Amino acid sequence: MPSDVTEASEGVDEAENVRYEETEEDDNVSPTDLSEMLKEGTKESHDRAENTQFVKDFLKGRIKKELFKLATVALYYTYSALEEEMDCNKDHPAFAPLYFPLELHRKEALAKDMEYFYGENWKEKIQCSEATRCYIDRIHHIGQYEPELLVAHAYTRYMGDLSGGQILKKVAQRALKLPSTGEGIQFYVFDNISNAQQFKQFYRARINALDLDKKAKERIVEEANKAFEFNMQVFDELDKIGALLTEEAQDGGLPVHDGKGDLRKCPYYATKLGKGDPGCPYHIGMAMLKQPTMQFVLAACIALAAGIATWYVMDGH
């Protein structure tokens, strides 16, 4: 989720509104500090992201389990790409001071969530969505050609996870009735950070200490806005998929495609298609009914049922 979402949450079990944002202030902050430039320079993008339908619904506890699972899949691919490029650039002077794999990296936690939601063979049941693919392609590009811009994505992701992400964890746990022991929301658990507020202050100080000129800082701010855009594209994609999900999917059942529109947008196709997977149940059924043999069997069954009904009526019952 984007950093520092500020939104009223109706809560799932609580009547009071919940607001969350970074409240700590540094008296020594300067407008030319990169952390301050990022905060001020992404305000508009931040506001737009927090007002997407997906985020607003999530904060109000209106999140379907199947949709939450798909969002977690998107996060898995995103953090896998980001942390791969961070590992490759851990010694780059423009990024090395921000490399904290033990404290921040999320891929392993997300793998646990994937196993909880999809089972041991979860890798065969998920695939990267179109919007997420665009996001990770950008991450790989800058990791290879402009490593200093990784700062923008690390800031947008991890600072958000340590801020608003902690509220989203509680909302998801209540709305989806997830175990109190933390299964399904390991992504939001930072075992190696004892004080999130202090760590964020420390991380921003590291950002400000990077040896970057004004032009480089401006490019990082621009990249951070792109990161928000990529997030919003993922949210929009999830909204469209959510509109196709049935009520059964909300309770954890398989989403069913109604046969309308592009098959590739079928939630079943998007989440279940893997090696050897037969495909969407709706289309399997329709394909079978188009076979002459199946049509004959169906017609015979209907005729038999009609005959029995006629006999029952004529026999005076």
C-alpha atoms as a PDB file:
ATOM      1  CA  MET A   1       0.000   0.000   0.000  1.00  0.00           C
ATOM      2  CA  PRO A   2       1.175   3.566  -0.538  1.00  0.00           C
ATOM      3  CA  SER A   3       2.933   5.309   2.326  1.00  0.00           C
ATOM      4  CA  ASP A   4       0.970   7.086   5.065  1.00  0.00           C
ATOM      5  CA  VAL A   5      -2.574   6.524   3.887  1.00  0.00           C
ATOM      6  CA  THR A   6      -4.888   8.859   5.801  1.00  0.00           C
ATOM      7  CA  GLU A   7      -8.411   7.528   5.723  1.00  0.00           C
ATOM      8  CA  ALA A   8     -11.364   7.105   8.017  1.00  0.00           C
ATOM      9  CA  SER A   9     -12.052   3.453   8.610  1.00  0.00           C
ATOM     10  CA  GLU A  10     -15.462   2.324   9.726  1.00  0.00           C
ATOM     11  CA  GLY A  11     -13.766  -0.708  11.199  1.00  0.00           C
ATOM     12  CA  VAL A  12     -15.167  -4.188  11.115  1.00  0.00           C
ATOM     13  CA  ASP A  13     -15.899  -4.603  14.802  1.00  0.00           C
ATOM     14  CA  GLU A  14     -15.536  -1.024  15.970  1.00  0.00           C
ATOM     15  CA  ALA A  15     -17.753   2.017  15.562  1.00  0.00           C
ATOM     16  CA  GLU A  16     -15.051   4.605  16.014  1.00  0.00           C
ATOM     17  CA  ASN A  17     -13.164   5.997  13.067  1.00  0.00           C
ATOM     18  CA  VAL A  18      -9.488   5.208  12.694  1.00  0.00           C
ATOM     19  CA  ARG A  19      -7.037   7.624  11.171  1.00  0.00           C
ATOM     20  CA  TYR A  20      -3.407   6.957  10.668  1.00  0.00           C
ATOM     21  CA  GLU A  21      -0.517   8.923   9.284  1.00  0.00           C
ATOM     22  CA  GLU A  22       3.035   9.732  10.229  1.00  0.00           C
ATOM     23  CA  THR A  23       2.954  12.133  13.130  1.00  0.00           C
ATOM     24  CA  GLU A  24       6.570  12.358  14.168  1.00  0.00           C
ATOM     25  CA  GLU A  25       8.303  15.554  13.126  1.00  0.00           C
ATOM     26  CA  ASP A  26      11.986  16.397  12.906  1.00  0.00           C
ATOM     27  CA  ASP A  27      12.814  19.958  13.892  1.00  0.00           C
ATOM     28  CA  ASN A  28      15.995  19.785  11.821  1.00  0.00           C
ATOM     29  CA  VAL A  29      14.256  18.834   8.590  1.00  0.00           C
ATOM     30  CA  SER A  30      15.121  20.912   5.529  1.00  0.00           C
ATOM     31  CA  PRO A  31      13.066  21.399   2.362  1.00  0.00           C
ATOM     32  CA  THR A  32      16.095  20.177   0.412  1.00  0.00           C
ATOM     33  CA  ASP A  33      16.283  16.896   2.330  1.00  0.00           C
ATOM     34  CA  LEU A  34      15.318  14.029   0.062  1.00  0.00           C
ATOM     35  CA  SER A  35      12.841  12.570   2.568  1.00  0.00           C
ATOM     36  CA  GLU A  36      11.063  15.917   2.754  1.00  0.00           C
ATOM     37  CA  MET A  37      11.135  16.278  -1.028  1.00  0.00           C
ATOM     38  CA  LEU A  38       9.594  12.824  -1.326  1.00  0.00           C
ATOM     39  CA  LYS A  39       6.901  13.597   1.223  1.00  0.00           C
ATOM     40  CA  GLU A  40       5.935  16.915  -0.348  1.00  0.00           C
ATOM     41  CA  GLY A  41       6.498  15.845  -3.937  1.00  0.00           C
ATOM     42  CA  THR A  42       4.222  12.799  -3.745  1.00  0.00           C
ATOM     43  CA  LYS A  43       1.328  14.325  -1.799  1.00  0.00           C
ATOM     44  CA  GLU A  44      -0.968  14.556  -4.809  1.00  0.00           C
ATOM     45  CA  SER A  45      -0.199  10.998  -5.925  1.00  0.00           C
ATOM     46  CA  HIS A  46      -0.635   9.827  -2.362  1.00  0.00           C
ATOM     47  CA  ASP A  47      -4.057  11.449  -2.098  1.00  0.00           C
ATOM     48  CA  ARG A  48      -5.155   9.880  -5.365  1.00  0.00           C
ATOM     49  CA  ALA A  49      -3.950   6.447  -4.312  1.00  0.00           C
ATOM     50  CA  GLU A  50      -5.689   6.541  -0.953  1.00  0.00           C
ATOM     51  CA  ASN A  51      -8.936   7.512  -2.653  1.00  0.00           C
ATOM     52  CA  THR A  52      -8.997   4.614  -5.096  1.00  0.00           C
ATOM     53  CA  GLN A  53     -12.034   2.419  -4.579  1.00  0.00           C
ATOM     54  CA  PHE A  54      -9.940  -0.593  -3.664  1.00  0.00           C
ATOM     55  CA  VAL A  55      -8.150   1.205  -0.819  1.00  0.00           C
ATOM     56  CA  LYS A  56     -11.328   2.854   0.487  1.00  0.00           C
ATOM     57  CA  ASP A  57     -13.183  -0.462   0.506  1.00  0.00           C
ATOM     58  CA  PHE A  58     -10.253  -2.208   2.152  1.00  0.00           C
ATOM     59  CA  LEU A  59     -10.067   0.348   4.948  1.00  0.00           C
ATOM     60  CA  LYS A  60     -13.780  -0.053   5.608  1.00  0.00           C
ATOM     61  CA  GLY A  61     -13.450  -3.810   5.874  1.00  0.00           C
ATOM     62  CA  ARG A  62     -15.216  -4.419   2.566  1.00  0.00           C
ATOM     63  CA  ILE A  63     -12.658  -6.787   1.095  1.00  0.00           C
ATOM     64  CA  LYS A  64     -13.446 -10.166  -0.449  1.00  0.00           C
ATOM     65  CA  LYS A  65     -11.114 -12.985   0.498  1.00  0.00           C
ATOM     66  CA  GLU A  66     -10.396 -13.958  -3.093  1.00  0.00           C
ATOM     67  CA  LEU A  67      -9.543 -10.349  -3.904  1.00  0.00           C
ATOM     68  CA  PHE A  68      -7.270 -10.102  -0.866  1.00  0.00           C
ATOM     69  CA  LYS A  69      -5.512 -13.238  -2.084  1.00  0.00           C
ATOM     70  CA  LEU A  70      -4.973 -11.685  -5.512  1.00  0.00           C
ATOM     71  CA  ALA A  71      -3.637  -8.502  -3.912  1.00  0.00           C
ATOM     72  CA  THR A  72      -1.203 -10.643  -1.928  1.00  0.00           C
ATOM     73  CA  VAL A  73      -0.115 -12.344  -5.148  1.00  0.00           C
ATOM     74  CA  ALA A  74       0.613  -8.921  -6.668  1.00  0.00           C
ATOM     75  CA  LEU A  75       2.661  -8.009  -3.610  1.00  0.00           C
ATOM     76  CA  TYR A  76       4.630 -11.246  -3.858  1.00  0.00           C
ATOM     77  CA  TYR A  77       5.702 -10.530  -7.425  1.00  0.00           C
ATOM     78  CA  THR A  78       6.406  -6.872  -6.646  1.00  0.00           C
ATOM     79  CA  TYR A  79       8.619  -7.532  -3.643  1.00  0.00           C
ATOM     80  CA  SER A  80      10.360 -10.429  -5.349  1.00  0.00           C
ATOM     81  CA  ALA A  81      11.433  -8.056  -8.115  1.00  0.00           C
ATOM     82  CA  LEU A  82      12.288  -5.165  -5.805  1.00  0.00           C
ATOM     83  CA  GLU A  83      14.339  -7.244  -3.405  1.00  0.00           C
ATOM     84  CA  GLU A  84      16.121  -9.031  -6.225  1.00  0.00           C
ATOM     85  CA  GLU A  85      17.300  -5.664  -7.578  1.00  0.00           C
ATOM     86  CA  MET A  86      18.125  -4.412  -4.083  1.00  0.00           C
ATOM     87  CA  ASP A  87      20.299  -7.480  -3.516  1.00  0.00           C
ATOM     88  CA  CYS A  88      22.076  -6.849  -6.807  1.00  0.00           C
ATOM     89  CA  ASN A  89      22.693  -3.218  -5.883  1.00  0.00           C
ATOM     90  CA  LYS A  90      23.414  -3.588  -2.173  1.00  0.00           C
ATOM     91  CA  ASP A  91      26.909  -2.154  -2.664  1.00  0.00           C
ATOM     92  CA  HIS A  92      25.893   0.712  -4.949  1.00  0.00           C
ATOM     93  CA  PRO A  93      26.761   3.991  -3.171  1.00  0.00           C
ATOM     94  CA  ALA A  94      23.380   5.510  -4.019  1.00  0.00           C
ATOM     95  CA  PHE A  95      21.490   2.645  -2.380  1.00  0.00           C
ATOM     96  CA  ALA A  96      23.776   0.758   0.024  1.00  0.00           C
ATOM     97  CA  PRO A  97      22.843   2.901   3.089  1.00  0.00           C
ATOM     98  CA  LEU A  98      19.203   1.805   2.661  1.00  0.00           C
ATOM     99  CA  TYR A  99      19.877  -1.924   2.419  1.00  0.00           C
ATOM    100  CA  PHE A 100      18.239  -3.622   5.414  1.00  0.00           C
ATOM    101  CA  PRO A 101      17.208  -7.107   4.276  1.00  0.00           C
ATOM    102  CA  LEU A 102      16.824  -8.550   7.771  1.00  0.00           C
ATOM    103  CA  GLU A 103      14.535  -5.756   8.914  1.00  0.00           C
ATOM    104  CA  LEU A 104      12.567  -4.970   5.765  1.00  0.00           C
ATOM    105  CA  HIS A 105      12.516  -7.679   3.115  1.00  0.00           C
ATOM    106  CA  ARG A 106       9.036  -9.119   2.572  1.00  0.00           C
ATOM    107  CA  LYS A 107       9.431 -11.937   0.046  1.00  0.00           C
ATOM    108  CA  GLU A 108       9.772 -14.727   2.610  1.00  0.00           C
ATOM    109  CA  ALA A 109       6.822 -13.435   4.629  1.00  0.00           C
ATOM    110  CA  LEU A 110       4.711 -13.245   1.477  1.00  0.00           C
ATOM    111  CA  ALA A 111       5.691 -16.810   0.571  1.00  0.00           C
ATOM    112  CA  LYS A 112       4.207 -17.914   3.917  1.00  0.00           C
ATOM    113  CA  ASP A 113       0.997 -16.053   3.096  1.00  0.00           C
ATOM    114  CA  MET A 114       0.899 -17.691  -0.334  1.00  0.00           C
ATOM    115  CA  GLU A 115       1.197 -21.139   1.213  1.00  0.00           C
ATOM    116  CA  TYR A 116      -1.562 -20.347   3.697  1.00  0.00           C
ATOM    117  CA  PHE A 117      -3.969 -19.179   0.990  1.00  0.00           C
ATOM    118  CA  TYR A 118      -3.081 -21.538  -1.875  1.00  0.00           C
ATOM    119  CA  GLY A 119      -1.443 -24.584  -0.275  1.00  0.00           C
ATOM    120  CA  GLU A 120       2.000 -26.129  -0.635  1.00  0.00           C
ATOM    121  CA  ASN A 121       1.960 -26.025  -4.430  1.00  0.00           C
ATOM    122  CA  TRP A 122       1.004 -22.331  -4.475  1.00  0.00           C
ATOM    123  CA  LYS A 123       3.601 -21.439  -7.102  1.00  0.00           C
ATOM    124  CA  GLU A 124       1.669 -23.502  -9.633  1.00  0.00           C
ATOM    125  CA  LYS A 125      -1.604 -21.735  -8.814  1.00  0.00           C
ATOM    126  CA  ILE A 126      -0.640 -18.090  -9.216  1.00  0.00           C
ATOM    127  CA  GLN A 127       0.482 -15.910 -12.064  1.00  0.00           C
ATOM    128  CA  CYS A 128       1.572 -12.330 -12.455  1.00  0.00           C
ATOM    129  CA  SER A 129      -1.197  -9.988 -13.596  1.00  0.00           C
ATOM    130  CA  GLU A 130      -0.780  -7.487 -16.403  1.00  0.00           C
ATOM    131  CA  ALA A 131      -0.634  -4.419 -14.151  1.00  0.00           C
ATOM    132  CA  THR A 132       1.813  -6.086 -11.779  1.00  0.00           C
ATOM    133  CA  ARG A 133       3.976  -7.130 -14.707  1.00  0.00           C
ATOM    134  CA  CYS A 134       4.291  -3.502 -15.805  1.00  0.00           C
ATOM    135  CA  TYR A 135       5.273  -2.563 -12.249  1.00  0.00           C
ATOM    136  CA  ILE A 136       7.997  -5.183 -11.897  1.00  0.00           C
ATOM    137  CA  ASP A 137       9.323  -4.559 -15.408  1.00  0.00           C
ATOM    138  CA  ARG A 138       9.988  -0.972 -14.329  1.00  0.00           C
ATOM    139  CA  ILE A 139      11.700  -2.142 -11.147  1.00  0.00           C
ATOM    140  CA  HIS A 140      13.994  -4.472 -13.074  1.00  0.00           C
ATOM    141  CA  HIS A 141      14.783  -1.745 -15.587  1.00  0.00           C
ATOM    142  CA  ILE A 142      15.924   0.802 -13.018  1.00  0.00           C
ATOM    143  CA  GLY A 143      17.757  -1.862 -11.037  1.00  0.00           C
ATOM    144  CA  GLN A 144      19.866  -2.583 -14.091  1.00  0.00           C
ATOM    145  CA  TYR A 145      20.271   0.896 -15.538  1.00  0.00           C
ATOM    146  CA  GLU A 146      19.421   3.492 -12.841  1.00  0.00           C
ATOM    147  CA  PRO A 147      19.972   1.887  -9.407  1.00  0.00           C
ATOM    148  CA  GLU A 148      19.676   5.191  -7.554  1.00  0.00           C
ATOM    149  CA  LEU A 149      15.972   5.233  -8.436  1.00  0.00           C
ATOM    150  CA  LEU A 150      15.441   2.127  -6.303  1.00  0.00           C
ATOM    151  CA  VAL A 151      15.357   4.603  -3.414  1.00  0.00           C
ATOM    152  CA  ALA A 152      11.947   5.798  -4.656  1.00  0.00           C
ATOM    153  CA  HIS A 153      10.413   2.330  -4.694  1.00  0.00           C
ATOM    154  CA  ALA A 154      11.939   1.307  -1.370  1.00  0.00           C
ATOM    155  CA  TYR A 155      10.607   4.491   0.236  1.00  0.00           C
ATOM    156  CA  THR A 156       7.118   4.073  -1.241  1.00  0.00           C
ATOM    157  CA  ARG A 157       6.832   0.407  -0.314  1.00  0.00           C
ATOM    158  CA  TYR A 158       8.504  -0.055   3.040  1.00  0.00           C
ATOM    159  CA  MET A 159       7.568   3.231   4.665  1.00  0.00           C
ATOM    160  CA  GLY A 160       3.955   2.520   3.722  1.00  0.00           C
ATOM    161  CA  ASP A 161       4.146  -1.006   5.115  1.00  0.00           C
ATOM    162  CA  LEU A 162       5.412   0.323   8.440  1.00  0.00           C
ATOM    163  CA  SER A 163       2.740   3.029   8.517  1.00  0.00           C
ATOM    164  CA  GLY A 164      -0.717   2.391   7.081  1.00  0.00           C
ATOM    165  CA  GLY A 165       0.070  -1.248   6.474  1.00  0.00           C
ATOM    166  CA  GLN A 166      -0.228  -1.938  10.176  1.00  0.00           C
ATOM    167  CA  ILE A 167      -3.836  -0.744  10.176  1.00  0.00           C
ATOM    168  CA  LEU A 168      -4.599  -2.743   7.036  1.00  0.00           C
ATOM    169  CA  LYS A 169      -3.312  -5.831   8.839  1.00  0.00           C
ATOM    170  CA  LYS A 170      -5.910  -5.411  11.580  1.00  0.00           C
ATOM    171  CA  VAL A 171      -8.701  -4.657   9.110  1.00  0.00           C
ATOM    172  CA  ALA A 172      -7.896  -7.732   6.992  1.00  0.00           C
ATOM    173  CA  GLN A 173      -7.652  -9.982  10.038  1.00  0.00           C
ATOM    174  CA  ARG A 174     -11.105  -8.949  11.228  1.00  0.00           C
ATOM    175  CA  ALA A 175     -12.885  -8.682   7.891  1.00  0.00           C
ATOM    176  CA  LEU A 176     -11.624 -12.020   6.595  1.00  0.00           C
ATOM    177  CA  LYS A 177     -11.736 -13.771   9.980  1.00  0.00           C
ATOM    178  CA  LEU A 178      -8.096 -14.774   9.676  1.00  0.00           C
ATOM    179  CA  PRO A 179      -6.408 -16.647  12.550  1.00  0.00           C
ATOM    180  CA  SER A 180      -5.276 -14.535  15.487  1.00  0.00           C
ATOM    181  CA  THR A 181      -1.925 -16.301  15.220  1.00  0.00           C
ATOM    182  CA  GLY A 182      -1.106 -14.283  12.076  1.00  0.00           C
ATOM    183  CA  GLU A 183      -1.563 -16.711   9.201  1.00  0.00           C
ATOM    184  CA  GLY A 184      -2.351 -14.871   5.968  1.00  0.00           C
ATOM    185  CA  ILE A 185      -0.978 -11.509   7.129  1.00  0.00           C
ATOM    186  CA  GLN A 186       2.707 -12.278   7.655  1.00  0.00           C
ATOM    187  CA  PHE A 187       3.461  -9.614   5.055  1.00  0.00           C
ATOM    188  CA  TYR A 188       2.563  -6.961   7.625  1.00  0.00           C
ATOM    189  CA  VAL A 189       4.652  -8.477  10.427  1.00  0.00           C
ATOM    190  CA  PHE A 190       8.164  -7.031  10.914  1.00  0.00           C
ATOM    191  CA  ASP A 191       9.703  -9.283  13.536  1.00  0.00           C
ATOM    192  CA  ASN A 192      13.068  -7.555  13.423  1.00  0.00           C
ATOM    193  CA  ILE A 193      11.787  -4.019  13.942  1.00  0.00           C
ATOM    194  CA  SER A 194      10.895  -3.365  17.567  1.00  0.00           C
ATOM    195  CA  ASN A 195       9.769   0.235  17.077  1.00  0.00           C
ATOM    196  CA  ALA A 196       8.356   1.173  13.680  1.00  0.00           C
ATOM    197  CA  GLN A 197       8.310   4.916  14.320  1.00  0.00           C
ATOM    198  CA  GLN A 198      11.951   5.000  15.353  1.00  0.00           C
ATOM    199  CA  PHE A 199      12.972   2.858  12.411  1.00  0.00           C
ATOM    200  CA  LYS A 200      11.172   5.161   9.978  1.00  0.00           C
ATOM    201  CA  GLN A 201      12.973   8.148  11.430  1.00  0.00           C
ATOM    202  CA  PHE A 202      16.273   6.302  11.114  1.00  0.00           C
ATOM    203  CA  TYR A 203      15.488   5.271   7.534  1.00  0.00           C
ATOM    204  CA  ARG A 204      14.606   8.821   6.518  1.00  0.00           C
ATOM    205  CA  ALA A 205      17.848  10.050   8.051  1.00  0.00           C
ATOM    206  CA  ARG A 206      19.690   7.519   5.882  1.00  0.00           C
ATOM    207  CA  ILE A 207      17.786   8.773   2.827  1.00  0.00           C
ATOM    208  CA  ASN A 208      18.779  12.347   3.626  1.00  0.00           C
ATOM    209  CA  ALA A 209      22.435  11.342   4.018  1.00  0.00           C
ATOM    210  CA  LEU A 210      22.672   9.939   0.484  1.00  0.00           C
ATOM    211  CA  ASP A 211      25.244  11.818  -1.586  1.00  0.00           C
ATOM    212  CA  LEU A 212      22.936  13.027  -4.362  1.00  0.00           C
ATOM    213  CA  ASP A 213      22.734  16.285  -6.245  1.00  0.00           C
ATOM    214  CA  LYS A 214      19.521  18.233  -6.759  1.00  0.00           C
ATOM    215  CA  LYS A 215      18.833  16.724 -10.173  1.00  0.00           C
ATOM    216  CA  ALA A 216      19.184  13.172  -8.843  1.00  0.00           C
ATOM    217  CA  LYS A 217      16.833  13.953  -5.953  1.00  0.00           C
ATOM    218  CA  GLU A 218      14.249  15.339  -8.363  1.00  0.00           C
ATOM    219  CA  ARG A 219      14.465  12.193 -10.476  1.00  0.00           C
ATOM    220  CA  ILE A 220      13.893  10.057  -7.390  1.00  0.00           C
ATOM    221  CA  VAL A 221      10.798  12.094  -6.493  1.00  0.00           C
ATOM    222  CA  GLU A 222       9.544  11.672 -10.052  1.00  0.00           C
ATOM    223  CA  GLU A 223      10.138   7.925  -9.796  1.00  0.00           C
ATOM    224  CA  ALA A 224       8.242   7.787  -6.501  1.00  0.00           C
ATOM    225  CA  ASN A 225       5.241   9.312  -8.250  1.00  0.00           C
ATOM    226  CA  LYS A 226       5.562   6.622 -10.908  1.00  0.00           C
ATOM    227  CA  ALA A 227       5.555   4.016  -8.143  1.00  0.00           C
ATOM    228  CA  PHE A 228       2.238   5.412  -6.890  1.00  0.00           C
ATOM    229  CA  GLU A 229       0.899   5.263 -10.453  1.00  0.00           C
ATOM    230  CA  PHE A 230       1.889   1.619 -10.761  1.00  0.00           C
ATOM    231  CA  ASN A 231       0.155   0.892  -7.460  1.00  0.00           C
ATOM    232  CA  MET A 232      -3.002   2.622  -8.634  1.00  0.00           C
ATOM    233  CA  GLN A 233      -2.988   0.568 -11.819  1.00  0.00           C
ATOM    234  CA  VAL A 234      -2.828  -2.592  -9.715  1.00  0.00           C
ATOM    235  CA  PHE A 235      -5.687  -1.299  -7.540  1.00  0.00           C
ATOM    236  CA  ASP A 236      -7.767  -0.544 -10.623  1.00  0.00           C
ATOM    237  CA  GLU A 237      -7.108  -4.026 -11.966  1.00  0.00           C
ATOM    238  CA  LEU A 238      -8.186  -5.549  -8.648  1.00  0.00           C
ATOM    239  CA  ASP A 239     -11.367  -3.455  -8.692  1.00  0.00           C
ATOM    240  CA  LYS A 240     -12.264  -4.848 -12.112  1.00  0.00           C
ATOM    241  CA  ILE A 241     -11.626  -8.413 -10.978  1.00  0.00           C
ATOM    242  CA  GLY A 242     -13.579  -7.795  -7.791  1.00  0.00           C
ATOM    243  CA  ALA A 243     -16.621  -6.811  -9.828  1.00  0.00           C
ATOM    244  CA  LEU A 244     -16.588 -10.314 -11.370  1.00  0.00           C
ATOM    245  CA  LEU A 245     -16.298 -12.220  -8.125  1.00  0.00           C
ATOM    246  CA  THR A 246     -19.362 -14.026  -6.850  1.00  0.00           C
ATOM    247  CA  GLU A 247     -20.540 -13.950  -3.264  1.00  0.00           C
ATOM    248  CA  GLU A 248     -19.216 -17.486  -2.878  1.00  0.00           C
ATOM    249  CA  ALA A 249     -15.723 -16.167  -3.548  1.00  0.00           C
ATOM    250  CA  GLN A 250     -16.130 -13.721  -0.684  1.00  0.00           C
ATOM    251  CA  ASP A 251     -16.409 -16.653   1.674  1.00  0.00           C
ATOM    252  CA  GLY A 252     -13.312 -18.285   0.274  1.00  0.00           C
ATOM    253  CA  GLY A 253     -14.909 -20.374  -2.493  1.00  0.00           C
ATOM    254  CA  LEU A 254     -13.651 -20.453  -6.043  1.00  0.00           C
ATOM    255  CA  PRO A 255     -14.665 -17.458  -8.154  1.00  0.00           C
ATOM    256  CA  VAL A 256     -16.836 -18.394 -11.092  1.00  0.00           C
ATOM    257  CA  HIS A 257     -16.791 -16.781 -14.505  1.00  0.00           C
ATOM    258  CA  ASP A 258     -20.205 -16.068 -16.007  1.00  0.00           C
ATOM    259  CA  GLY A 259     -18.972 -16.434 -19.557  1.00  0.00           C
ATOM    260  CA  LYS A 260     -19.237 -12.746 -20.359  1.00  0.00           C
ATOM    261  CA  GLY A 261     -16.304 -10.659 -21.499  1.00  0.00           C
ATOM    262  CA  ASP A 262     -12.654 -11.602 -21.917  1.00  0.00           C
ATOM    263  CA  LEU A 263     -11.739 -15.034 -20.537  1.00  0.00           C
ATOM    264  CA  ARG A 264      -8.357 -13.633 -19.461  1.00  0.00           C
ATOM    265  CA  LYS A 265     -10.220 -11.412 -17.000  1.00  0.00           C
ATOM    266  CA  CYS A 266     -11.973 -14.380 -15.442  1.00  0.00           C
ATOM    267  CA  PRO A 267     -10.878 -14.521 -11.773  1.00  0.00           C
ATOM    268  CA  TYR A 268     -10.653 -18.300 -11.947  1.00  0.00           C
ATOM    269  CA  TYR A 269      -8.370 -18.035 -14.967  1.00  0.00           C
ATOM    270  CA  ALA A 270      -6.295 -15.323 -13.330  1.00  0.00           C
ATOM    271  CA  THR A 271      -5.679 -17.199 -10.094  1.00  0.00           C
ATOM    272  CA  LYS A 272      -5.994 -20.878 -10.865  1.00  0.00           C
ATOM    273  CA  LEU A 273      -4.527 -21.337 -14.321  1.00  0.00           C
ATOM    274  CA  GLY A 274      -1.277 -23.236 -14.066  1.00  0.00           C
ATOM    275  CA  LYS A 275       0.423 -26.232 -15.547  1.00  0.00           C
ATOM    276  CA  GLY A 276      -2.179 -28.815 -16.281  1.00  0.00           C
ATOM    277  CA  ASP A 277      -5.052 -26.678 -15.035  1.00  0.00           C
ATOM    278  CA  PRO A 278      -8.136 -27.337 -17.160  1.00  0.00           C
ATOM    279  CA  GLY A 279      -9.333 -23.719 -17.126  1.00  0.00           C
ATOM    280  CA  CYS A 280     -12.529 -21.864 -16.274  1.00  0.00           C
ATOM    281  CA  PRO A 281     -15.429 -24.091 -15.085  1.00  0.00           C
ATOM    282  CA  TYR A 282     -17.993 -22.108 -17.051  1.00  0.00           C
ATOM    283  CA  HIS A 283     -16.171 -22.540 -20.327  1.00  0.00           C
ATOM    284  CA  ILE A 284     -15.469 -26.209 -19.641  1.00  0.00           C
ATOM    285  CA  GLY A 285     -19.188 -26.810 -19.130  1.00  0.00           C
ATOM    286  CA  MET A 286     -20.166 -24.864 -22.232  1.00  0.00           C
ATOM    287  CA  ALA A 287     -17.590 -26.684 -24.333  1.00  0.00           C
ATOM    288  CA  MET A 288     -18.933 -30.057 -23.170  1.00  0.00           C
ATOM    289  CA  LEU A 289     -22.510 -29.075 -24.010  1.00  0.00           C
ATOM    290  CA  LYS A 290     -21.442 -28.263 -27.570  1.00  0.00           C
ATOM    291  CA  GLN A 291     -20.368 -31.872 -28.133  1.00  0.00           C
ATOM    292  CA  PRO A 292     -23.030 -33.940 -30.073  1.00  0.00           C
ATOM    293  CA  THR A 293     -22.710 -36.858 -27.642  1.00  0.00           C
ATOM    294  CA  MET A 294     -23.336 -34.669 -24.614  1.00  0.00           C
ATOM    295  CA  GLN A 295     -26.251 -32.973 -26.366  1.00  0.00           C
ATOM    296  CA  PHE A 296     -27.804 -36.402 -27.064  1.00  0.00           C
ATOM    297  CA  VAL A 297     -27.319 -37.531 -23.437  1.00  0.00           C
ATOM    298  CA  LEU A 298     -28.818 -34.285 -22.141  1.00  0.00           C
ATOM    299  CA  ALA A 299     -31.808 -34.594 -24.487  1.00  0.00           C
ATOM    300  CA  ALA A 300     -32.350 -38.205 -23.412  1.00  0.00           C
ATOM    301  CA  CYS A 301     -32.270 -37.219 -19.761  1.00  0.00           C
ATOM    302  CA  ILE A 302     -34.805 -34.460 -20.337  1.00  0.00           C
ATOM    303  CA  ALA A 303     -37.088 -36.810 -22.282  1.00  0.00           C
ATOM    304  CA  LEU A 304     -36.861 -39.448 -19.541  1.00  0.00           C
ATOM    305  CA  ALA A 305     -37.683 -36.870 -16.863  1.00  0.00           C
ATOM    306  CA  ALA A 306     -40.646 -35.621 -18.893  1.00  0.00           C
ATOM    307  CA  GLY A 307     -41.914 -39.195 -19.358  1.00  0.00           C
ATOM    308  CA  ILE A 308     -41.751 -39.938 -15.645  1.00  0.00           C
ATOM    309  CA  ALA A 309     -43.564 -36.701 -14.841  1.00  0.00           C
ATOM    310  CA  THR A 310     -46.329 -37.524 -17.355  1.00  0.00           C
ATOM    311  CA  TRP A 311     -46.776 -41.019 -15.954  1.00  0.00           C
ATOM    312  CA  TYR A 312     -46.924 -39.608 -12.433  1.00  0.00           C
ATOM    313  CA  VAL A 313     -49.702 -37.147 -13.371  1.00  0.00           C
ATOM    314  CA  MET A 314     -51.726 -39.639 -15.431  1.00  0.00           C
ATOM    315  CA  ASP A 315     -51.534 -42.267 -12.717  1.00  0.00           C
ATOM    316  CA  GLY A 316     -53.656 -40.004 -10.577  1.00  0.00           C
ATOM    317  CA  HIS A 317     -51.134 -38.913  -8.016  1.00  0.00           C
END
